[in-house]
Amino acid sequence: MHRIIDWNELWKALHTGSSERAEKDRDPAAHWDRRAAAYRRITRDERSATRHELATLDVRPGDTVLDMGAGTGRLAVPIARTAAHVTALDPSGGMLSILSERMATEGLTNYSCVKMRWEDTVIGKDIEPHDVVVAAFSLGFYDLAAALEKLDAAALRTTYLFWHAGEWRGPEEMALYRAVFGEEAAMRKGYPDYIYPVNILHDAGIHPNVRIYRAVWDAVYDSPEEAARTWVAMHNPGMEDLSPVRDYFARTLRRDESGRYVETTVRPTAAVWWEKDNRKNSR
């Protein structure tokens, strides 16, 4: 079939338009090390979205699983309860340190950590192929086609991607981004949605399954001030005037029965997966 649009080149063009993405590309370890504690805080009380992702995965006893961009272990830790072995790959030592703490708390030892950028990883040398490969919200690469090709090469049976569908942020969250970063910079935040990796895979002869759903993410805080400072640590470290962030959380947080403050965000999400025997090589 004649290819009219080169989706990977379009992704690259959009990728280079953001200074934040450029900073991540230069030193992803430093970027995420600075945010590891805040990321752990944001996801500590999250349950619903993780349960949904785990229910999507076909992980069997005896399986080896690679979690690319494992972060603090939101998926790797519960996956280790079922799988024979989990390899957690992430460029951030800070993230992997928290993951290791969580594994130890649960008494899990069937895992290994690989501190490395995915772009630098060589399949068969740095890591061996695994039965299942998972990449949950970790596709922020300049050359997405190369990253996806490597994910496919790393999987013996199935590869799973989780990525946003449509606009990741709701209207109120977008208003906060505009207030903090300005109109133009706010529009350059984040990444293009799931249709890009799906079309890049299609061009490579891989026709994945796609399911769109609404993922519910909860974050629980002791106070609106804690919520504001966590958001700043995650999204704009060094920010001095927290007024717009405080105003945002004053509007959006709700109190639960224990008196704590809950942020609930519903995000349209795409689960994308393919099995080795379901591919159709068009070349």
Protein backbone atom coordinates (compact mmCIF):
# COMPACT_ATOMS: atom_id res chain seq x y z
CA MET A 1 0.00 0.00 0.00
CA HIS A 2 1.27 3.45 -0.89
CA ARG A 3 2.19 5.46 2.21
CA ILE A 4 0.96 9.04 2.01
CA ILE A 5 2.02 10.15 5.51
CA ASP A 6 5.26 9.23 7.23
CA TRP A 7 3.92 9.10 10.78
CA ASN A 8 7.33 8.71 12.37
CA GLU A 9 8.69 11.82 10.66
CA LEU A 10 5.58 13.73 11.70
CA TRP A 11 6.10 12.53 15.30
CA LYS A 12 9.74 13.69 15.14
CA ALA A 13 8.70 17.12 13.89
CA LEU A 14 6.23 17.55 16.75
CA HIS A 15 8.74 16.16 19.23
CA THR A 16 11.37 18.77 18.43
CA GLY A 17 8.92 21.62 19.05
CA SER A 18 9.11 21.33 22.84
CA SER A 19 11.97 22.49 25.08
CA GLU A 20 10.73 20.13 27.80
CA ARG A 21 11.01 17.14 25.48
CA ALA A 22 14.49 18.30 24.44
CA GLU A 23 15.54 18.44 28.11
CA LYS A 24 14.25 14.90 28.67
CA ASP A 25 16.13 13.67 25.60
CA ARG A 26 19.42 15.20 26.79
CA ASP A 27 19.36 13.60 30.23
CA PRO A 28 16.25 11.53 31.04
CA ALA A 29 17.91 10.14 34.18
CA ALA A 30 18.37 13.60 35.70
CA HIS A 31 14.88 14.67 34.59
CA TRP A 32 13.16 11.76 36.33
CA ASP A 33 15.51 11.63 39.31
CA ARG A 34 14.30 15.14 40.19
CA ARG A 35 10.70 13.97 39.94
CA ALA A 36 10.90 10.49 41.47
CA ALA A 37 9.57 11.46 44.92
CA ALA A 38 6.74 13.53 43.42
CA TYR A 39 5.81 10.73 41.01
CA ARG A 40 5.69 8.26 43.88
CA ARG A 41 3.46 10.67 45.82
CA ILE A 42 1.09 11.18 42.90
CA THR A 43 0.66 7.47 42.20
CA ARG A 44 0.82 6.16 45.80
CA ASP A 45 -2.94 5.97 46.30
CA GLU A 46 -3.88 5.28 42.70
CA ARG A 47 -5.76 2.00 42.20
CA SER A 48 -8.34 2.07 39.42
CA ALA A 49 -6.18 2.82 36.36
CA THR A 50 -3.57 0.29 37.45
CA ARG A 51 -6.17 -2.44 37.97
CA HIS A 52 -7.51 -1.77 34.49
CA GLU A 53 -4.06 -2.08 32.92
CA LEU A 54 -3.25 -5.24 34.86
CA ALA A 55 -6.55 -6.79 33.73
CA THR A 56 -5.56 -6.10 30.11
CA LEU A 57 -2.25 -7.92 30.42
CA ASP A 58 -2.05 -11.64 29.78
CA VAL A 59 0.70 -12.50 32.25
CA ARG A 60 0.99 -16.17 33.17
CA PRO A 61 2.87 -17.99 35.92
CA GLY A 62 6.25 -18.85 34.47
CA ASP A 63 6.35 -15.76 32.23
CA THR A 64 9.22 -13.33 32.02
CA VAL A 65 8.05 -9.72 31.72
CA LEU A 66 9.96 -6.60 30.65
CA ASP A 67 8.53 -3.31 31.95
CA MET A 68 10.14 -0.62 29.80
CA GLY A 69 10.02 2.72 31.61
CA ALA A 70 9.06 0.97 34.84
CA GLY A 71 9.32 4.10 36.99
CA THR A 72 8.53 3.43 40.65
CA GLY A 73 6.99 0.04 39.92
CA ARG A 74 3.30 0.87 39.56
CA LEU A 75 2.93 -2.14 37.23
CA ALA A 76 6.18 -4.04 37.82
CA VAL A 77 5.43 -4.74 41.50
CA PRO A 78 1.97 -6.29 41.01
CA ILE A 79 3.15 -8.11 37.87
CA ALA A 80 5.91 -9.74 39.96
CA ARG A 81 3.23 -11.38 42.10
CA THR A 82 2.28 -13.51 39.08
CA ALA A 83 5.24 -13.66 36.70
CA ALA A 84 8.33 -15.80 37.15
CA HIS A 85 10.58 -12.78 36.67
CA VAL A 86 10.18 -9.05 35.96
CA THR A 87 12.86 -6.88 34.42
CA ALA A 88 12.33 -3.21 35.27
CA LEU A 89 14.14 -0.94 32.82
CA ASP A 90 14.34 2.79 33.45
CA PRO A 91 17.02 5.49 33.00
CA SER A 92 16.34 6.92 36.45
CA GLY A 93 18.16 5.43 39.41
CA GLY A 94 15.84 7.38 41.71
CA MET A 95 12.78 5.72 40.21
CA LEU A 96 14.34 2.25 40.35
CA SER A 97 15.40 2.77 43.97
CA ILE A 98 11.77 3.37 44.93
CA LEU A 99 10.73 0.34 42.88
CA SER A 100 13.24 -1.83 44.74
CA GLU A 101 11.93 -0.55 48.09
CA ARG A 102 8.39 -1.48 47.08
CA MET A 103 9.48 -4.95 45.96
CA ALA A 104 11.26 -5.47 49.29
CA THR A 105 8.20 -4.32 51.25
CA GLU A 106 6.16 -7.05 49.53
CA GLY A 107 8.89 -9.64 49.93
CA LEU A 108 9.36 -9.99 46.18
CA THR A 109 12.77 -11.01 44.87
CA ASN A 110 11.90 -12.25 41.36
CA TYR A 111 12.93 -9.06 39.60
CA SER A 112 15.97 -7.24 38.26
CA CYS A 113 16.58 -3.57 37.52
CA VAL A 114 18.33 -2.25 34.42
CA LYS A 115 19.27 1.43 34.65
CA MET A 116 19.53 2.37 30.99
CA ARG A 117 17.91 4.46 28.29
CA TRP A 118 15.79 2.37 25.96
CA GLU A 119 17.51 3.99 22.99
CA ASP A 120 20.85 2.58 24.23
CA THR A 121 19.57 -0.90 25.07
CA VAL A 122 20.68 -3.79 22.86
CA ILE A 123 18.33 -6.78 22.81
CA GLY A 124 20.28 -9.99 23.36
CA LYS A 125 23.11 -8.12 25.08
CA ASP A 126 21.74 -5.77 27.73
CA ILE A 127 18.49 -7.70 28.11
CA GLU A 128 17.24 -10.98 26.68
CA PRO A 129 13.85 -11.28 24.98
CA HIS A 130 10.95 -11.69 27.43
CA ASP A 131 7.60 -13.44 27.02
CA VAL A 132 5.71 -10.18 27.60
CA VAL A 133 6.84 -6.58 27.09
CA VAL A 134 4.97 -3.64 28.63
CA ALA A 135 5.42 0.08 27.94
CA ALA A 136 2.95 2.14 29.98
CA PHE A 137 3.10 5.86 29.18
CA SER A 138 6.80 5.57 28.37
CA LEU A 139 6.94 6.27 24.62
CA GLY A 140 8.45 9.74 24.77
CA PHE A 141 11.21 9.07 22.24
CA TYR A 142 12.37 11.19 19.34
CA ASP A 143 12.52 8.16 17.01
CA LEU A 144 9.33 6.33 17.96
CA ALA A 145 9.61 3.82 15.10
CA ALA A 146 13.00 2.61 16.36
CA ALA A 147 11.67 2.34 19.92
CA LEU A 148 8.64 0.33 18.80
CA GLU A 149 10.76 -1.95 16.62
CA LYS A 150 12.94 -2.71 19.64
CA LEU A 151 9.91 -3.38 21.85
CA ASP A 152 8.67 -5.86 19.28
CA ALA A 153 12.08 -7.52 19.08
CA ALA A 154 12.18 -7.84 22.88
CA ALA A 155 8.87 -9.75 23.05
CA LEU A 156 8.58 -13.49 22.57
CA ARG A 157 4.76 -13.51 22.78
CA THR A 158 3.00 -10.17 23.34
CA THR A 159 3.78 -6.46 23.49
CA TYR A 160 1.47 -4.03 25.34
CA LEU A 161 1.42 -0.24 25.09
CA PHE A 162 -0.66 2.16 27.15
CA TRP A 163 -0.90 5.73 25.85
CA HIS A 164 -3.32 8.60 25.89
CA ALA A 165 -6.22 8.95 23.45
CA GLY A 166 -7.02 12.50 22.41
CA GLU A 167 -6.14 15.35 24.75
CA TRP A 168 -4.52 14.04 27.93
CA ARG A 169 -5.64 17.01 30.01
CA GLY A 170 -9.18 18.20 30.71
CA PRO A 171 -10.28 21.83 30.30
CA GLU A 172 -9.45 22.86 33.87
CA GLU A 173 -6.04 21.21 33.76
CA MET A 174 -5.33 22.92 30.44
CA ALA A 175 -6.28 26.24 32.01
CA LEU A 176 -3.71 25.56 34.75
CA TYR A 177 -1.01 24.79 32.17
CA ARG A 178 -1.78 28.04 30.35
CA ALA A 179 -1.63 30.01 33.59
CA VAL A 180 1.74 28.48 34.55
CA PHE A 181 3.50 28.13 31.19
CA GLY A 182 1.68 30.53 28.87
CA GLU A 183 -0.57 29.71 25.93
CA GLU A 184 2.07 28.69 23.39
CA ALA A 185 4.20 26.62 25.78
CA ALA A 186 1.13 24.88 27.21
CA MET A 187 0.19 23.64 23.74
CA ARG A 188 3.64 22.06 23.38
CA LYS A 189 3.32 20.01 26.55
CA GLY A 190 2.80 16.29 26.32
CA TYR A 191 2.99 14.07 23.23
CA PRO A 192 0.80 13.20 20.24
CA ASP A 193 -1.75 10.52 21.04
CA TYR A 194 -2.06 6.78 20.35
CA ILE A 195 -2.88 7.10 16.66
CA TYR A 196 0.80 7.85 15.96
CA PRO A 197 2.25 4.61 17.37
CA VAL A 198 -0.65 2.65 15.85
CA ASN A 199 0.05 4.06 12.38
CA ILE A 200 3.81 3.63 12.78
CA LEU A 201 3.21 -0.01 13.68
CA HIS A 202 0.89 -0.38 10.70
CA ASP A 203 3.56 0.98 8.38
CA ALA A 204 5.95 -1.61 9.83
CA GLY A 205 3.53 -4.44 9.00
CA ILE A 206 2.17 -4.85 12.53
CA HIS A 207 -1.61 -4.55 12.90
CA PRO A 208 -2.24 -4.18 16.64
CA ASN A 209 -5.37 -4.53 18.73
CA VAL A 210 -6.65 -1.22 20.08
CA ARG A 211 -9.09 -0.60 22.90
CA ILE A 212 -10.07 2.89 24.05
CA TYR A 213 -11.33 3.37 27.58
CA ARG A 214 -11.65 6.03 30.26
CA ALA A 215 -9.01 5.53 32.94
CA VAL A 216 -9.73 6.95 36.40
CA TRP A 217 -6.67 8.22 38.28
CA ASP A 218 -6.89 9.18 41.96
CA ALA A 219 -4.27 11.02 43.98
CA VAL A 220 -4.83 11.59 47.71
CA TYR A 221 -3.23 14.40 49.73
CA ASP A 222 -3.24 15.59 53.30
CA SER A 223 -3.86 19.19 52.23
CA PRO A 224 -4.33 21.35 49.12
CA GLU A 225 -0.88 22.83 49.84
CA GLU A 226 0.69 19.35 49.60
CA ALA A 227 -1.13 18.79 46.30
CA ALA A 228 0.14 22.10 44.91
CA ARG A 229 3.74 21.49 45.93
CA THR A 230 3.67 17.95 44.53
CA TRP A 231 2.34 19.24 41.21
CA VAL A 232 5.10 21.85 41.04
CA ALA A 233 7.79 19.28 41.88
CA MET A 234 6.48 17.07 39.10
CA HIS A 235 5.76 19.63 36.39
CA ASN A 236 7.73 22.80 37.06
CA PRO A 237 10.52 22.42 39.68
CA GLY A 238 11.81 25.78 40.84
CA MET A 239 8.49 27.57 40.38
CA GLU A 240 8.25 30.32 43.02
CA ASP A 241 4.72 31.73 42.76
CA LEU A 242 2.40 28.78 43.43
CA SER A 243 -0.78 30.89 43.35
CA PRO A 244 -2.31 29.48 40.13
CA VAL A 245 -1.57 25.92 41.27
CA ARG A 246 -3.09 26.53 44.71
CA ASP A 247 -6.18 28.05 43.05
CA TYR A 248 -6.51 25.03 40.77
CA PHE A 249 -6.44 22.52 43.62
CA ALA A 250 -8.76 24.64 45.75
CA ARG A 251 -11.33 24.23 42.95
CA THR A 252 -10.76 20.62 42.01
CA LEU A 253 -9.96 18.64 45.18
CA ARG A 254 -12.73 16.90 47.11
CA ARG A 255 -12.73 15.70 50.70
CA ASP A 256 -13.15 11.99 51.36
CA GLU A 257 -14.72 10.40 54.45
CA SER A 258 -11.37 10.51 56.28
CA GLY A 259 -11.00 14.24 55.65
CA ARG A 260 -8.16 13.88 53.14
CA TYR A 261 -8.13 15.62 49.78
CA VAL A 262 -8.68 13.59 46.61
CA GLU A 263 -7.88 14.56 43.04
CA THR A 264 -9.79 12.43 40.52
CA THR A 265 -8.85 12.67 36.87
CA VAL A 266 -10.51 10.76 34.05
CA ARG A 267 -8.20 10.29 31.08
CA PRO A 268 -9.18 8.78 27.71
CA THR A 269 -6.62 6.01 27.24
CA ALA A 270 -5.62 3.52 24.56
CA ALA A 271 -4.47 -0.02 25.23
CA VAL A 272 -2.52 -1.20 22.17
CA TRP A 273 -1.19 -4.75 21.93
CA TRP A 274 -0.09 -7.36 19.44
CA GLU A 275 1.08 -10.95 19.46
CA LYS A 276 3.88 -12.32 17.34
CA ASP A 277 1.58 -14.74 15.51
CA ASN A 278 -0.99 -11.99 14.77
CA ARG A 279 1.31 -9.80 12.69
CA LYS A 280 1.01 -9.37 8.96
CA ASN A 281 4.27 -8.47 7.31
CA SER A 282 3.39 -6.31 4.32
CA ARG A 283 6.94 -6.06 3.00
